[in-house]
C-alpha atoms as a PDB file:
ATOM      1  CA  UNK A   1     -23.502  21.392  -2.402  1.00  0.00           C
ATOM      2  CA  UNK A   2     -20.671  18.864  -2.262  1.00  0.00           C
ATOM      3  CA  UNK A   3     -19.002  18.351   1.128  1.00  0.00           C
ATOM      4  CA  UNK A   4     -15.417  17.408   2.008  1.00  0.00           C
ATOM      5  CA  UNK A   5     -16.111  13.677   2.312  1.00  0.00           C
ATOM      6  CA  UNK A   6     -17.812  13.628  -1.085  1.00  0.00           C
ATOM      7  CA  UNK A   7     -14.787  15.396  -2.613  1.00  0.00           C
ATOM      8  CA  UNK A   8     -12.434  12.864  -1.039  1.00  0.00           C
ATOM      9  CA  UNK A   9     -14.541   9.972  -2.284  1.00  0.00           C
ATOM     10  CA  UNK A  10     -14.745  11.460  -5.775  1.00  0.00           C
ATOM     11  CA  UNK A  11     -10.978  11.895  -5.888  1.00  0.00           C
ATOM     12  CA  UNK A  12     -10.378   8.235  -4.966  1.00  0.00           C
ATOM     13  CA  UNK A  13     -12.968   7.053  -7.493  1.00  0.00           C
ATOM     14  CA  UNK A  14     -11.445   9.161 -10.286  1.00  0.00           C
ATOM     15  CA  UNK A  15      -7.895   7.920  -9.648  1.00  0.00           C
ATOM     16  CA  UNK A  16      -8.489   4.274  -8.695  1.00  0.00           C
ATOM     17  CA  UNK A  17     -11.891   3.357 -10.091  1.00  0.00           C
ATOM     18  CA  UNK A  18     -12.589   0.913  -7.223  1.00  0.00           C
ATOM     19  CA  UNK A  19     -15.411  -1.609  -7.319  1.00  0.00           C
ATOM     20  CA  UNK A  20     -16.670  -0.179  -4.041  1.00  0.00           C
ATOM     21  CA  UNK A  21     -15.634   2.497  -1.576  1.00  0.00           C
ATOM     22  CA  UNK A  22     -17.081   3.308   1.809  1.00  0.00           C
ATOM     23  CA  UNK A  23     -15.830   6.244   3.850  1.00  0.00           C
ATOM     24  CA  UNK A  24     -16.673   6.255   7.536  1.00  0.00           C
ATOM     25  CA  UNK A  25     -16.184   9.423   9.592  1.00  0.00           C
ATOM     26  CA  UNK A  26     -14.828   8.274  12.952  1.00  0.00           C
ATOM     27  CA  UNK A  27     -14.045  11.756  14.244  1.00  0.00           C
ATOM     28  CA  UNK A  28     -16.554  11.449  17.076  1.00  0.00           C
ATOM     29  CA  UNK A  29     -14.419   8.684  18.617  1.00  0.00           C
ATOM     30  CA  UNK A  30     -11.494  11.091  19.050  1.00  0.00           C
ATOM     31  CA  UNK A  31     -13.195  14.118  20.589  1.00  0.00           C
ATOM     32  CA  UNK A  32     -11.545  13.656  23.986  1.00  0.00           C
ATOM     33  CA  UNK A  33      -8.055  13.095  22.614  1.00  0.00           C
ATOM     34  CA  UNK A  34      -5.520  15.751  23.465  1.00  0.00           C
ATOM     35  CA  UNK A  35      -4.603  16.281  19.789  1.00  0.00           C
ATOM     36  CA  UNK A  36      -8.222  16.413  18.571  1.00  0.00           C
ATOM     37  CA  UNK A  37      -8.856  19.071  15.938  1.00  0.00           C
ATOM     38  CA  UNK A  38     -12.494  19.657  14.998  1.00  0.00           C
ATOM     39  CA  UNK A  39     -11.401  21.010  11.602  1.00  0.00           C
ATOM     40  CA  UNK A  40      -9.834  17.672  10.582  1.00  0.00           C
ATOM     41  CA  UNK A  41     -11.375  14.258   9.976  1.00  0.00           C
ATOM     42  CA  UNK A  42     -10.548  10.850  11.398  1.00  0.00           C
ATOM     43  CA  UNK A  43     -11.588   8.533   8.570  1.00  0.00           C
ATOM     44  CA  UNK A  44     -11.826   4.863   7.747  1.00  0.00           C
ATOM     45  CA  UNK A  45     -11.793   3.754   4.111  1.00  0.00           C
ATOM     46  CA  UNK A  46     -13.102   0.374   3.063  1.00  0.00           C
ATOM     47  CA  UNK A  47     -12.088  -0.052  -0.557  1.00  0.00           C
ATOM     48  CA  UNK A  48     -12.781  -2.983  -2.828  1.00  0.00           C
ATOM     49  CA  UNK A  49     -10.216  -2.807  -5.600  1.00  0.00           C
ATOM     50  CA  UNK A  50      -8.400  -5.521  -7.502  1.00  0.00           C
ATOM     51  CA  UNK A  51      -5.613  -3.064  -8.326  1.00  0.00           C
ATOM     52  CA  UNK A  52      -4.968  -2.302  -4.655  1.00  0.00           C
ATOM     53  CA  UNK A  53      -5.382  -5.914  -3.616  1.00  0.00           C
ATOM     54  CA  UNK A  54      -2.596  -6.954  -6.005  1.00  0.00           C
ATOM     55  CA  UNK A  55      -0.223  -4.421  -4.428  1.00  0.00           C
ATOM     56  CA  UNK A  56       1.548  -4.947  -1.149  1.00  0.00           C
ATOM     57  CA  UNK A  57      -0.057  -3.146   1.771  1.00  0.00           C
ATOM     58  CA  UNK A  58       2.563  -0.408   2.095  1.00  0.00           C
ATOM     59  CA  UNK A  59       2.461   0.492  -1.598  1.00  0.00           C
ATOM     60  CA  UNK A  60      -1.338   0.543  -1.712  1.00  0.00           C
ATOM     61  CA  UNK A  61      -1.449   2.839   1.317  1.00  0.00           C
ATOM     62  CA  UNK A  62       1.231   5.093  -0.180  1.00  0.00           C
ATOM     63  CA  UNK A  63      -0.832   5.371  -3.360  1.00  0.00           C
ATOM     64  CA  UNK A  64      -3.939   6.412  -1.439  1.00  0.00           C
ATOM     65  CA  UNK A  65      -1.953   8.909   0.634  1.00  0.00           C
ATOM     66  CA  UNK A  66      -0.417  10.390  -2.541  1.00  0.00           C
ATOM     67  CA  UNK A  67      -3.881  10.840  -4.068  1.00  0.00           C
ATOM     68  CA  UNK A  68      -5.025  12.630  -0.908  1.00  0.00           C
ATOM     69  CA  UNK A  69      -1.811  14.568  -0.194  1.00  0.00           C
ATOM     70  CA  UNK A  70      -3.559  17.959  -0.070  1.00  0.00           C
ATOM     71  CA  UNK A  71      -6.393  16.659   2.102  1.00  0.00           C
ATOM     72  CA  UNK A  72      -3.865  15.052   4.473  1.00  0.00           C
ATOM     73  CA  UNK A  73      -2.372  18.502   5.083  1.00  0.00           C
ATOM     74  CA  UNK A  74      -5.621  20.356   5.735  1.00  0.00           C
ATOM     75  CA  UNK A  75      -8.627  18.054   6.167  1.00  0.00           C
ATOM     76  CA  UNK A  76      -7.579  14.594   7.409  1.00  0.00           C
ATOM     77  CA  UNK A  77      -5.860  13.962  10.725  1.00  0.00           C
ATOM     78  CA  UNK A  78      -5.952  10.156  10.667  1.00  0.00           C
ATOM     79  CA  UNK A  79      -6.760   7.574   8.015  1.00  0.00           C
ATOM     80  CA  UNK A  80      -7.495   3.883   8.494  1.00  0.00           C
ATOM     81  CA  UNK A  81      -7.487   1.856   5.274  1.00  0.00           C
ATOM     82  CA  UNK A  82      -9.073  -1.545   4.730  1.00  0.00           C
ATOM     83  CA  UNK A  83      -8.641  -3.130   1.307  1.00  0.00           C
ATOM     84  CA  UNK A  84     -10.936  -5.914   0.192  1.00  0.00           C
END
């Protein structure tokens, strides 16, 4: 059975074909926050991609957010992006 994080990773891989992608679930760090929602993830992406590296930071982040627009509505509360 494929979980939400696997679906997110698969979506990024299909659209960007990165050399490497690591998704870290950091939700546990936000449990005590007032706006914490246990149905949404707090994620960190570490993506190695020449395509993204050639883009400016804002455009690369916008591209990732556009790929995950549905997940941002329902599954992801916060997203930290590191491009290598």
